[in-house]
Each structure stands twice: as C-alpha cells, then as structure tokens.
C-alpha cells in the first residue's frame, strides 16, 4: 500500500458540495481518525484545511479499516491529495478521487 487512488464517500451530505467544488487537483487534504464515530470506529474524516474545519467527506469504510490496522501495526501514516473532481456539470453532484500516499516513521540509524 504505497500509493493508491480512492473515491471519497459522503461528499453530498452536510453542505460538503460547496466545499468540494472549491478543491483543486494536487491539493493536500487532511484527515482525522474518528475513533468515537458511532457508526465506524475506523472512520477517517477528510478535511480541506489544516485546521480541520472544512470537512469534505470520508475514506471508504473498508479501506479505512485496512489503513487503521496498518497504522496500528506498523506505525505508518497517510497523506491525502486531490487527484480529480468528477461531476459538477449539468447539475450533477461533485465527487472526489484522492491519491493516498503511505508515509513511514523516521528510523534512527
């Protein structure tokens, strides 16, 4: 799991479409593990800003579970970038394809 693409979910809820419409290719996104999420303890909410006030969706549940397991087992992290916006024309909702990059902790030599 070095680099891979995924689609964000939940981008049409809670006013997120307005925020998603402002995203641009290559933009770094920020994520937060929502351990206390009542629906999924592996939930990873994705934000457009480093302050984590402008959420734009979630990583898919099955993928978030795998990522959180790897984070706990191996100590890796993840960076998320906008790869592509979909939809938006002719009244269609926007979607977001993201690039997820695995990061590894620094090792002392």
PDB file of N, CA and C in Angstrom:
ATOM      1  N   UNK A   1       0.835  -1.197   0.000  1.00  0.00           N
ATOM      2  CA  UNK A   1       0.000   0.000   0.000  1.00  0.00           C
ATOM      3  C   UNK A   1       0.874   1.253   0.000  1.00  0.00           C
ATOM      4  N   UNK A   2       1.640   1.473  -1.019  1.00  0.00           N
ATOM      5  CA  UNK A   2       2.469   2.667  -1.091  1.00  0.00           C
ATOM      6  C   UNK A   2       1.661   3.886  -1.505  1.00  0.00           C
ATOM      7  N   UNK A   3       1.108   3.834  -2.725  1.00  0.00           N
ATOM      8  CA  UNK A   3       0.261   4.893  -3.259  1.00  0.00           C
ATOM      9  C   UNK A   3      -0.928   4.239  -3.935  1.00  0.00           C
ATOM     10  N   UNK A   4      -2.088   4.827  -3.787  1.00  0.00           N
ATOM     11  CA  UNK A   4      -3.259   4.297  -4.458  1.00  0.00           C
ATOM     12  C   UNK A   4      -4.335   5.366  -4.533  1.00  0.00           C
ATOM     13  N   UNK A   5      -5.309   5.138  -5.393  1.00  0.00           N
ATOM     14  CA  UNK A   5      -6.418   6.059  -5.580  1.00  0.00           C
ATOM     15  C   UNK A   5      -7.672   5.507  -4.931  1.00  0.00           C
ATOM     16  N   UNK A   6      -8.524   6.401  -4.475  1.00  0.00           N
ATOM     17  CA  UNK A   6      -9.812   6.010  -3.901  1.00  0.00           C
ATOM     18  C   UNK A   6     -10.782   7.166  -4.087  1.00  0.00           C
ATOM     19  N   UNK A   7     -12.037   6.863  -3.971  1.00  0.00           N
ATOM     20  CA  UNK A   7     -13.081   7.882  -4.049  1.00  0.00           C
ATOM     21  C   UNK A   7     -13.527   8.211  -2.630  1.00  0.00           C
ATOM     22  N   UNK A   8     -13.679   9.501  -2.324  1.00  0.00           N
ATOM     23  CA  UNK A   8     -14.237   9.874  -1.020  1.00  0.00           C
ATOM     24  C   UNK A   8     -15.722   9.567  -1.014  1.00  0.00           C
ATOM     25  N   UNK A   9     -16.240   9.232   0.149  1.00  0.00           N
ATOM     26  CA  UNK A   9     -17.670   8.987   0.314  1.00  0.00           C
ATOM     27  C   UNK A   9     -18.256  10.085   1.199  1.00  0.00           C
ATOM     28  N   UNK A  10     -19.574  10.254   1.098  1.00  0.00           N
ATOM     29  CA  UNK A  10     -20.265  11.231   1.931  1.00  0.00           C
ATOM     30  C   UNK A  10     -20.114  12.667   1.466  1.00  0.00           C
ATOM     31  N   UNK A  11     -19.670  12.869   0.225  1.00  0.00           N
ATOM     32  CA  UNK A  11     -19.415  14.227  -0.256  1.00  0.00           C
ATOM     33  C   UNK A  11     -20.689  15.019  -0.541  1.00  0.00           C
ATOM     34  N   UNK A  12     -21.838  14.358  -0.545  1.00  0.00           N
ATOM     35  CA  UNK A  12     -23.093  15.067  -0.829  1.00  0.00           C
ATOM     36  C   UNK A  12     -23.857  15.435   0.440  1.00  0.00           C
ATOM     37  N   UNK A  13     -23.320  15.128   1.605  1.00  0.00           N
ATOM     38  CA  UNK A  13     -24.012  15.394   2.865  1.00  0.00           C
ATOM     39  C   UNK A  13     -23.455  16.623   3.576  1.00  0.00           C
ATOM     40  N   UNK A  14     -24.261  17.174   4.459  1.00  0.00           N
ATOM     41  CA  UNK A  14     -23.848  18.216   5.409  1.00  0.00           C
ATOM     42  C   UNK A  14     -23.181  19.427   4.758  1.00  0.00           C
ATOM     43  N   UNK A  15     -23.674  19.857   3.605  1.00  0.00           N
ATOM     44  CA  UNK A  15     -23.140  21.040   2.945  1.00  0.00           C
ATOM     45  C   UNK A  15     -21.765  20.873   2.340  1.00  0.00           C
ATOM     46  N   UNK A  16     -21.316  19.655   2.156  1.00  0.00           N
ATOM     47  CA  UNK A  16     -19.958  19.415   1.662  1.00  0.00           C
ATOM     48  C   UNK A  16     -19.783  19.770   0.184  1.00  0.00           C
ATOM     49  N   UNK A  17     -20.860  19.743  -0.598  1.00  0.00           N
ATOM     50  CA  UNK A  17     -20.728  20.022  -2.031  1.00  0.00           C
ATOM     51  C   UNK A  17     -20.112  21.393  -2.302  1.00  0.00           C
ATOM     52  N   UNK A  18     -20.463  22.383  -1.519  1.00  0.00           N
ATOM     53  CA  UNK A  18     -19.897  23.725  -1.706  1.00  0.00           C
ATOM     54  C   UNK A  18     -18.387  23.720  -1.451  1.00  0.00           C
ATOM     55  N   UNK A  19     -17.947  22.977  -0.452  1.00  0.00           N
ATOM     56  CA  UNK A  19     -16.510  22.893  -0.149  1.00  0.00           C
ATOM     57  C   UNK A  19     -15.781  22.062  -1.196  1.00  0.00           C
ATOM     58  N   UNK A  20     -16.395  20.959  -1.614  1.00  0.00           N
ATOM     59  CA  UNK A  20     -15.789  20.091  -2.627  1.00  0.00           C
ATOM     60  C   UNK A  20     -15.580  20.864  -3.930  1.00  0.00           C
ATOM     61  N   UNK A  21     -16.526  21.696  -4.304  1.00  0.00           N
ATOM     62  CA  UNK A  21     -16.430  22.456  -5.556  1.00  0.00           C
ATOM     63  C   UNK A  21     -15.201  23.360  -5.590  1.00  0.00           C
ATOM     64  N   UNK A  22     -14.656  23.721  -4.442  1.00  0.00           N
ATOM     65  CA  UNK A  22     -13.504  24.615  -4.354  1.00  0.00           C
ATOM     66  C   UNK A  22     -12.165  23.874  -4.358  1.00  0.00           C
ATOM     67  N   UNK A  23     -12.181  22.548  -4.320  1.00  0.00           N
ATOM     68  CA  UNK A  23     -10.941  21.765  -4.309  1.00  0.00           C
ATOM     69  C   UNK A  23     -10.259  21.823  -5.665  1.00  0.00           C
ATOM     70  N   UNK A  24      -8.951  21.620  -5.667  1.00  0.00           N
ATOM     71  CA  UNK A  24      -8.211  21.611  -6.929  1.00  0.00           C
ATOM     72  C   UNK A  24      -7.222  20.442  -6.959  1.00  0.00           C
ATOM     73  N   UNK A  25      -6.924  19.995  -8.168  1.00  0.00           N
ATOM     74  CA  UNK A  25      -6.012  18.854  -8.363  1.00  0.00           C
ATOM     75  C   UNK A  25      -4.681  19.125  -7.677  1.00  0.00           C
ATOM     76  N   UNK A  26      -4.197  18.130  -6.942  1.00  0.00           N
ATOM     77  CA  UNK A  26      -2.925  18.231  -6.249  1.00  0.00           C
ATOM     78  C   UNK A  26      -3.016  18.832  -4.857  1.00  0.00           C
ATOM     79  N   UNK A  27      -4.167  19.374  -4.501  1.00  0.00           N
ATOM     80  CA  UNK A  27      -4.341  19.986  -3.187  1.00  0.00           C
ATOM     81  C   UNK A  27      -4.182  18.949  -2.095  1.00  0.00           C
ATOM     82  N   UNK A  28      -3.399  19.285  -1.082  1.00  0.00           N
ATOM     83  CA  UNK A  28      -3.243  18.387   0.059  1.00  0.00           C
ATOM     84  C   UNK A  28      -4.486  18.488   0.928  1.00  0.00           C
ATOM     85  N   UNK A  29      -4.988  17.329   1.331  1.00  0.00           N
ATOM     86  CA  UNK A  29      -6.114  17.252   2.250  1.00  0.00           C
ATOM     87  C   UNK A  29      -5.596  16.721   3.575  1.00  0.00           C
ATOM     88  N   UNK A  30      -6.406  16.835   4.597  1.00  0.00           N
ATOM     89  CA  UNK A  30      -6.008  16.425   5.942  1.00  0.00           C
ATOM     90  C   UNK A  30      -7.076  15.488   6.477  1.00  0.00           C
ATOM     91  N   UNK A  31      -6.655  14.482   7.244  1.00  0.00           N
ATOM     92  CA  UNK A  31      -7.619  13.504   7.745  1.00  0.00           C
ATOM     93  C   UNK A  31      -7.483  13.340   9.250  1.00  0.00           C
ATOM     94  N   UNK A  32      -8.569  12.885   9.832  1.00  0.00           N
ATOM     95  CA  UNK A  32      -8.595  12.640  11.270  1.00  0.00           C
ATOM     96  C   UNK A  32      -9.314  11.323  11.522  1.00  0.00           C
ATOM     97  N   UNK A  33      -8.697  10.484  12.328  1.00  0.00           N
ATOM     98  CA  UNK A  33      -9.307   9.214  12.733  1.00  0.00           C
ATOM     99  C   UNK A  33     -10.403   9.529  13.748  1.00  0.00           C
ATOM    100  N   UNK A  34     -11.603   9.053  13.498  1.00  0.00           N
ATOM    101  CA  UNK A  34     -12.748   9.296  14.383  1.00  0.00           C
ATOM    102  C   UNK A  34     -13.058   8.035  15.185  1.00  0.00           C
ATOM    103  N   UNK A  35     -12.219   7.753  16.174  1.00  0.00           N
ATOM    104  CA  UNK A  35     -12.398   6.545  16.986  1.00  0.00           C
ATOM    105  C   UNK A  35     -13.757   6.493  17.664  1.00  0.00           C
ATOM    106  N   UNK A  36     -14.315   7.645  17.984  1.00  0.00           N
ATOM    107  CA  UNK A  36     -15.596   7.692  18.691  1.00  0.00           C
ATOM    108  C   UNK A  36     -16.789   7.785  17.746  1.00  0.00           C
ATOM    109  N   UNK A  37     -16.574   7.586  16.449  1.00  0.00           N
ATOM    110  CA  UNK A  37     -17.671   7.615  15.489  1.00  0.00           C
ATOM    111  C   UNK A  37     -18.618   6.456  15.815  1.00  0.00           C
ATOM    112  N   UNK A  38     -19.899   6.744  16.067  1.00  0.00           N
ATOM    113  CA  UNK A  38     -20.836   5.684  16.471  1.00  0.00           C
ATOM    114  C   UNK A  38     -21.120   4.649  15.392  1.00  0.00           C
ATOM    115  N   UNK A  39     -20.825   4.966  14.137  1.00  0.00           N
ATOM    116  CA  UNK A  39     -21.090   4.035  13.037  1.00  0.00           C
ATOM    117  C   UNK A  39     -19.872   3.202  12.657  1.00  0.00           C
ATOM    118  N   UNK A  40     -18.659   3.757  12.919  1.00  0.00           N
ATOM    119  CA  UNK A  40     -17.447   3.071  12.479  1.00  0.00           C
ATOM    120  C   UNK A  40     -16.250   3.610  13.257  1.00  0.00           C
ATOM    121  N   UNK A  41     -15.680   2.786  14.119  1.00  0.00           N
ATOM    122  CA  UNK A  41     -14.542   3.228  14.943  1.00  0.00           C
ATOM    123  C   UNK A  41     -13.256   3.409  14.131  1.00  0.00           C
ATOM    124  N   UNK A  42     -13.278   2.997  12.853  1.00  0.00           N
ATOM    125  CA  UNK A  42     -12.130   3.201  11.971  1.00  0.00           C
ATOM    126  C   UNK A  42     -12.312   4.406  11.053  1.00  0.00           C
ATOM    127  N   UNK A  43     -13.404   5.141  11.203  1.00  0.00           N
ATOM    128  CA  UNK A  43     -13.734   6.238  10.292  1.00  0.00           C
ATOM    129  C   UNK A  43     -12.587   7.230  10.179  1.00  0.00           C
ATOM    130  N   UNK A  44     -12.352   7.664   8.938  1.00  0.00           N
ATOM    131  CA  UNK A  44     -11.325   8.669   8.639  1.00  0.00           C
ATOM    132  C   UNK A  44     -12.003   9.833   7.919  1.00  0.00           C
ATOM    133  N   UNK A  45     -12.239  10.926   8.636  1.00  0.00           N
ATOM    134  CA  UNK A  45     -12.855  12.111   8.041  1.00  0.00           C
ATOM    135  C   UNK A  45     -11.776  12.925   7.352  1.00  0.00           C
ATOM    136  N   UNK A  46     -12.090  13.452   6.165  1.00  0.00           N
ATOM    137  CA  UNK A  46     -11.131  14.190   5.353  1.00  0.00           C
ATOM    138  C   UNK A  46     -11.544  15.660   5.305  1.00  0.00           C
ATOM    139  N   UNK A  47     -10.542  16.535   5.450  1.00  0.00           N
ATOM    140  CA  UNK A  47     -10.762  17.978   5.509  1.00  0.00           C
ATOM    141  C   UNK A  47      -9.955  18.690   4.424  1.00  0.00           C
ATOM    142  N   UNK A  48     -10.459  19.859   4.006  1.00  0.00           N
ATOM    143  CA  UNK A  48      -9.771  20.679   3.015  1.00  0.00           C
ATOM    144  C   UNK A  48      -8.735  21.596   3.652  1.00  0.00           C
ATOM    145  N   UNK A  49      -8.773  21.758   4.961  1.00  0.00           N
ATOM    146  CA  UNK A  49      -7.884  22.708   5.631  1.00  0.00           C
ATOM    147  C   UNK A  49      -7.174  22.058   6.806  1.00  0.00           C
ATOM    148  N   UNK A  50      -5.984  22.559   7.091  1.00  0.00           N
ATOM    149  CA  UNK A  50      -5.159  22.002   8.166  1.00  0.00           C
ATOM    150  C   UNK A  50      -5.821  22.195   9.535  1.00  0.00           C
ATOM    151  N   UNK A  51      -6.657  23.206   9.684  1.00  0.00           N
ATOM    152  CA  UNK A  51      -7.357  23.435  10.951  1.00  0.00           C
ATOM    153  C   UNK A  51      -8.481  22.423  11.178  1.00  0.00           C
ATOM    154  N   UNK A  52      -8.790  21.663  10.125  1.00  0.00           N
ATOM    155  CA  UNK A  52      -9.826  20.625  10.162  1.00  0.00           C
ATOM    156  C   UNK A  52     -11.192  21.200  10.530  1.00  0.00           C
ATOM    157  N   UNK A  53     -11.566  22.266   9.807  1.00  0.00           N
ATOM    158  CA  UNK A  53     -12.894  22.857   9.993  1.00  0.00           C
ATOM    159  C   UNK A  53     -13.768  22.683   8.755  1.00  0.00           C
ATOM    160  N   UNK A  54     -13.156  22.334   7.611  1.00  0.00           N
ATOM    161  CA  UNK A  54     -13.876  22.238   6.338  1.00  0.00           C
ATOM    162  C   UNK A  54     -13.875  20.797   5.833  1.00  0.00           C
ATOM    163  N   UNK A  55     -14.743  19.955   6.426  1.00  0.00           N
ATOM    164  CA  UNK A  55     -14.713  18.547   6.007  1.00  0.00           C
ATOM    165  C   UNK A  55     -15.339  18.386   4.628  1.00  0.00           C
ATOM    166  N   UNK A  56     -14.787  17.440   3.871  1.00  0.00           N
ATOM    167  CA  UNK A  56     -15.248  17.195   2.504  1.00  0.00           C
ATOM    168  C   UNK A  56     -15.698  15.753   2.276  1.00  0.00           C
ATOM    169  N   UNK A  57     -15.605  14.894   3.283  1.00  0.00           N
ATOM    170  CA  UNK A  57     -16.047  13.513   3.138  1.00  0.00           C
ATOM    171  C   UNK A  57     -15.258  12.568   4.016  1.00  0.00           C
ATOM    172  N   UNK A  58     -15.352  11.281   3.692  1.00  0.00           N
ATOM    173  CA  UNK A  58     -14.672  10.226   4.442  1.00  0.00           C
ATOM    174  C   UNK A  58     -13.971   9.272   3.484  1.00  0.00           C
ATOM    175  N   UNK A  59     -12.942   8.620   3.979  1.00  0.00           N
ATOM    176  CA  UNK A  59     -12.336   7.479   3.285  1.00  0.00           C
ATOM    177  C   UNK A  59     -13.343   6.327   3.391  1.00  0.00           C
ATOM    178  N   UNK A  60     -13.478   5.535   2.338  1.00  0.00           N
ATOM    179  CA  UNK A  60     -14.413   4.403   2.349  1.00  0.00           C
ATOM    180  C   UNK A  60     -14.165   3.510   3.565  1.00  0.00           C
ATOM    181  N   UNK A  61     -15.232   2.989   4.156  1.00  0.00           N
ATOM    182  CA  UNK A  61     -15.145   2.228   5.410  1.00  0.00           C
ATOM    183  C   UNK A  61     -14.200   1.030   5.318  1.00  0.00           C
ATOM    184  N   UNK A  62     -14.306   0.239   4.253  1.00  0.00           N
ATOM    185  CA  UNK A  62     -13.443  -0.954   4.160  1.00  0.00           C
ATOM    186  C   UNK A  62     -11.976  -0.573   4.020  1.00  0.00           C
ATOM    187  N   UNK A  63     -11.702   0.518   3.317  1.00  0.00           N
ATOM    188  CA  UNK A  63     -10.334   0.991   3.165  1.00  0.00           C
ATOM    189  C   UNK A  63      -9.830   1.605   4.473  1.00  0.00           C
ATOM    190  N   UNK A  64     -10.668   2.384   5.133  1.00  0.00           N
ATOM    191  CA  UNK A  64     -10.278   2.998   6.411  1.00  0.00           C
ATOM    192  C   UNK A  64      -9.904   1.926   7.430  1.00  0.00           C
ATOM    193  N   UNK A  65     -10.637   0.825   7.443  1.00  0.00           N
ATOM    194  CA  UNK A  65     -10.325  -0.264   8.367  1.00  0.00           C
ATOM    195  C   UNK A  65      -8.919  -0.804   8.101  1.00  0.00           C
ATOM    196  N   UNK A  66      -8.590  -1.047   6.826  1.00  0.00           N
ATOM    197  CA  UNK A  66      -7.258  -1.549   6.482  1.00  0.00           C
ATOM    198  C   UNK A  66      -6.175  -0.539   6.844  1.00  0.00           C
ATOM    199  N   UNK A  67      -6.424   0.732   6.555  1.00  0.00           N
ATOM    200  CA  UNK A  67      -5.437   1.765   6.844  1.00  0.00           C
ATOM    201  C   UNK A  67      -5.195   1.901   8.342  1.00  0.00           C
ATOM    202  N   UNK A  68      -6.245   1.859   9.138  1.00  0.00           N
ATOM    203  CA  UNK A  68      -6.088   1.976  10.590  1.00  0.00           C
ATOM    204  C   UNK A  68      -5.375   0.759  11.172  1.00  0.00           C
ATOM    205  N   UNK A  69      -5.643  -0.422  10.616  1.00  0.00           N
ATOM    206  CA  UNK A  69      -4.933  -1.624  11.066  1.00  0.00           C
ATOM    207  C   UNK A  69      -3.443  -1.496  10.781  1.00  0.00           C
ATOM    208  N   UNK A  70      -3.087  -1.042   9.581  1.00  0.00           N
ATOM    209  CA  UNK A  70      -1.671  -0.868   9.223  1.00  0.00           C
ATOM    210  C   UNK A  70      -1.015   0.213  10.070  1.00  0.00           C
ATOM    211  N   UNK A  71      -1.750   1.269  10.352  1.00  0.00           N
ATOM    212  CA  UNK A  71      -1.207   2.348  11.182  1.00  0.00           C
ATOM    213  C   UNK A  71      -0.864   1.810  12.571  1.00  0.00           C
ATOM    214  N   UNK A  72      -1.767   1.023  13.152  1.00  0.00           N
ATOM    215  CA  UNK A  72      -1.534   0.467  14.491  1.00  0.00           C
ATOM    216  C   UNK A  72      -0.410  -0.560  14.486  1.00  0.00           C
ATOM    217  N   UNK A  73      -0.369  -1.418  13.463  1.00  0.00           N
ATOM    218  CA  UNK A  73       0.634  -2.488  13.402  1.00  0.00           C
ATOM    219  C   UNK A  73       2.029  -1.994  13.037  1.00  0.00           C
ATOM    220  N   UNK A  74       2.095  -1.077  12.077  1.00  0.00           N
ATOM    221  CA  UNK A  74       3.395  -0.698  11.505  1.00  0.00           C
ATOM    222  C   UNK A  74       3.792   0.745  11.776  1.00  0.00           C
ATOM    223  N   UNK A  75       2.885   1.541  12.335  1.00  0.00           N
ATOM    224  CA  UNK A  75       3.204   2.924  12.658  1.00  0.00           C
ATOM    225  C   UNK A  75       3.238   3.868  11.475  1.00  0.00           C
ATOM    226  N   UNK A  76       2.696   3.435  10.345  1.00  0.00           N
ATOM    227  CA  UNK A  76       2.719   4.309   9.171  1.00  0.00           C
ATOM    228  C   UNK A  76       1.607   5.345   9.254  1.00  0.00           C
ATOM    229  N   UNK A  77       1.740   6.367   8.435  1.00  0.00           N
ATOM    230  CA  UNK A  77       0.728   7.406   8.340  1.00  0.00           C
ATOM    231  C   UNK A  77       0.291   7.533   6.894  1.00  0.00           C
ATOM    232  N   UNK A  78      -0.530   8.528   6.613  1.00  0.00           N
ATOM    233  CA  UNK A  78      -1.053   8.691   5.263  1.00  0.00           C
ATOM    234  C   UNK A  78      -1.195  10.162   4.933  1.00  0.00           C
ATOM    235  N   UNK A  79      -0.829  10.499   3.713  1.00  0.00           N
ATOM    236  CA  UNK A  79      -1.092  11.820   3.171  1.00  0.00           C
ATOM    237  C   UNK A  79      -2.130  11.645   2.074  1.00  0.00           C
ATOM    238  N   UNK A  80      -3.029  12.623   1.959  1.00  0.00           N
ATOM    239  CA  UNK A  80      -4.134  12.535   1.011  1.00  0.00           C
ATOM    240  C   UNK A  80      -4.111  13.785   0.127  1.00  0.00           C
ATOM    241  N   UNK A  81      -4.246  13.573  -1.180  1.00  0.00           N
ATOM    242  CA  UNK A  81      -4.226  14.664  -2.148  1.00  0.00           C
ATOM    243  C   UNK A  81      -5.395  14.525  -3.115  1.00  0.00           C
ATOM    244  N   UNK A  82      -5.928  15.647  -3.564  1.00  0.00           N
ATOM    245  CA  UNK A  82      -6.982  15.632  -4.579  1.00  0.00           C
ATOM    246  C   UNK A  82      -6.357  15.173  -5.891  1.00  0.00           C
ATOM    247  N   UNK A  83      -6.907  14.137  -6.488  1.00  0.00           N
ATOM    248  CA  UNK A  83      -6.465  13.683  -7.800  1.00  0.00           C
ATOM    249  C   UNK A  83      -7.388  14.238  -8.887  1.00  0.00           C
ATOM    250  N   UNK A  84      -8.700  14.207  -8.622  1.00  0.00           N
ATOM    251  CA  UNK A  84      -9.643  14.621  -9.653  1.00  0.00           C
ATOM    252  C   UNK A  84     -11.004  14.902  -9.032  1.00  0.00           C
ATOM    253  N   UNK A  85     -11.670  15.926  -9.541  1.00  0.00           N
ATOM    254  CA  UNK A  85     -13.078  16.150  -9.215  1.00  0.00           C
ATOM    255  C   UNK A  85     -13.901  15.554 -10.344  1.00  0.00           C
ATOM    256  N   UNK A  86     -15.010  14.933 -10.002  1.00  0.00           N
ATOM    257  CA  UNK A  86     -15.915  14.390 -11.005  1.00  0.00           C
ATOM    258  C   UNK A  86     -17.250  15.103 -10.875  1.00  0.00           C
ATOM    259  N   UNK A  87     -18.081  14.996 -11.893  1.00  0.00           N
ATOM    260  CA  UNK A  87     -19.404  15.611 -11.859  1.00  0.00           C
ATOM    261  C   UNK A  87     -19.332  17.126 -11.897  1.00  0.00           C
ATOM    262  N   UNK A  88     -20.361  17.754 -11.304  1.00  0.00           N
ATOM    263  CA  UNK A  88     -20.398  19.201 -11.228  1.00  0.00           C
ATOM    264  C   UNK A  88     -21.099  19.878 -12.388  1.00  0.00           C
ATOM    265  N   UNK A  89     -21.078  19.272 -13.557  1.00  0.00           N
ATOM    266  CA  UNK A  89     -21.736  19.881 -14.708  1.00  0.00           C
ATOM    267  C   UNK A  89     -23.175  19.390 -14.827  1.00  0.00           C
ATOM    268  N   UNK A  90     -23.998  20.198 -15.459  1.00  0.00           N
ATOM    269  CA  UNK A  90     -25.401  19.847 -15.704  1.00  0.00           C
ATOM    270  C   UNK A  90     -26.133  19.475 -14.420  1.00  0.00           C
ATOM    271  N   UNK A  91     -25.782  20.131 -13.325  1.00  0.00           N
ATOM    272  CA  UNK A  91     -26.480  19.893 -12.065  1.00  0.00           C
ATOM    273  C   UNK A  91     -26.084  18.623 -11.331  1.00  0.00           C
ATOM    274  N   UNK A  92     -25.075  17.904 -11.830  1.00  0.00           N
ATOM    275  CA  UNK A  92     -24.635  16.684 -11.166  1.00  0.00           C
ATOM    276  C   UNK A  92     -23.830  17.022  -9.910  1.00  0.00           C
ATOM    277  N   UNK A  93     -23.920  16.178  -8.903  1.00  0.00           N
ATOM    278  CA  UNK A  93     -23.116  16.356  -7.703  1.00  0.00           C
ATOM    279  C   UNK A  93     -21.646  16.127  -8.016  1.00  0.00           C
ATOM    280  N   UNK A  94     -20.799  16.798  -7.238  1.00  0.00           N
ATOM    281  CA  UNK A  94     -19.361  16.588  -7.353  1.00  0.00           C
ATOM    282  C   UNK A  94     -18.959  15.309  -6.628  1.00  0.00           C
ATOM    283  N   UNK A  95     -17.917  14.675  -7.122  1.00  0.00           N
ATOM    284  CA  UNK A  95     -17.257  13.566  -6.460  1.00  0.00           C
ATOM    285  C   UNK A  95     -15.780  13.901  -6.359  1.00  0.00           C
ATOM    286  N   UNK A  96     -15.063  13.174  -5.512  1.00  0.00           N
ATOM    287  CA  UNK A  96     -13.635  13.436  -5.334  1.00  0.00           C
ATOM    288  C   UNK A  96     -12.864  12.126  -5.392  1.00  0.00           C
ATOM    289  N   UNK A  97     -11.904  12.064  -6.307  1.00  0.00           N
ATOM    290  CA  UNK A  97     -10.944  10.965  -6.354  1.00  0.00           C
ATOM    291  C   UNK A  97      -9.686  11.484  -5.659  1.00  0.00           C
ATOM    292  N   UNK A  98      -9.171  10.711  -4.709  1.00  0.00           N
ATOM    293  CA  UNK A  98      -7.980  11.132  -3.973  1.00  0.00           C
ATOM    294  C   UNK A  98      -6.836  10.154  -4.203  1.00  0.00           C
ATOM    295  N   UNK A  99      -5.630  10.678  -4.053  1.00  0.00           N
ATOM    296  CA  UNK A  99      -4.414   9.870  -4.041  1.00  0.00           C
ATOM    297  C   UNK A  99      -4.007   9.749  -2.580  1.00  0.00           C
ATOM    298  N   UNK A 100      -3.872   8.531  -2.097  1.00  0.00           N
ATOM    299  CA  UNK A 100      -3.439   8.275  -0.724  1.00  0.00           C
ATOM    300  C   UNK A 100      -2.009   7.753  -0.790  1.00  0.00           C
ATOM    301  N   UNK A 101      -1.123   8.395  -0.037  1.00  0.00           N
ATOM    302  CA  UNK A 101       0.296   8.035  -0.023  1.00  0.00           C
ATOM    303  C   UNK A 101       0.668   7.591   1.387  1.00  0.00           C
ATOM    304  N   UNK A 102       1.230   6.400   1.505  1.00  0.00           N
ATOM    305  CA  UNK A 102       1.678   5.889   2.806  1.00  0.00           C
ATOM    306  C   UNK A 102       2.972   6.579   3.191  1.00  0.00           C
ATOM    307  N   UNK A 103       3.055   7.041   4.441  1.00  0.00           N
ATOM    308  CA  UNK A 103       4.283   7.611   4.970  1.00  0.00           C
ATOM    309  C   UNK A 103       4.779   6.709   6.093  1.00  0.00           C
ATOM    310  N   UNK A 104       6.086   6.683   6.261  1.00  0.00           N
ATOM    311  CA  UNK A 104       6.672   5.793   7.271  1.00  0.00           C
ATOM    312  C   UNK A 104       7.397   6.617   8.313  1.00  0.00           C
ATOM    313  N   UNK A 105       7.414   6.163   9.568  1.00  0.00           N
ATOM    314  CA  UNK A 105       8.122   6.906  10.612  1.00  0.00           C
ATOM    315  C   UNK A 105       9.623   6.955  10.338  1.00  0.00           C
ATOM    316  N   UNK A 106      10.261   8.014  10.801  1.00  0.00           N
ATOM    317  CA  UNK A 106      11.709   8.140  10.659  1.00  0.00           C
ATOM    318  C   UNK A 106      12.391   7.052  11.483  1.00  0.00           C
ATOM    319  N   UNK A 107      13.414   6.458  10.904  1.00  0.00           N
ATOM    320  CA  UNK A 107      14.178   5.438  11.639  1.00  0.00           C
ATOM    321  C   UNK A 107      15.541   6.006  11.970  1.00  0.00           C
ATOM    322  N   UNK A 108      15.959   5.800  13.198  1.00  0.00           N
ATOM    323  CA  UNK A 108      17.283   6.234  13.604  1.00  0.00           C
ATOM    324  C   UNK A 108      18.315   5.228  13.146  1.00  0.00           C
ATOM    325  N   UNK A 109      19.392   5.711  12.567  1.00  0.00           N
ATOM    326  CA  UNK A 109      20.441   4.797  12.072  1.00  0.00           C
ATOM    327  C   UNK A 109      21.407   4.423  13.143  1.00  0.00           C
TER     328      UNK A 109
END
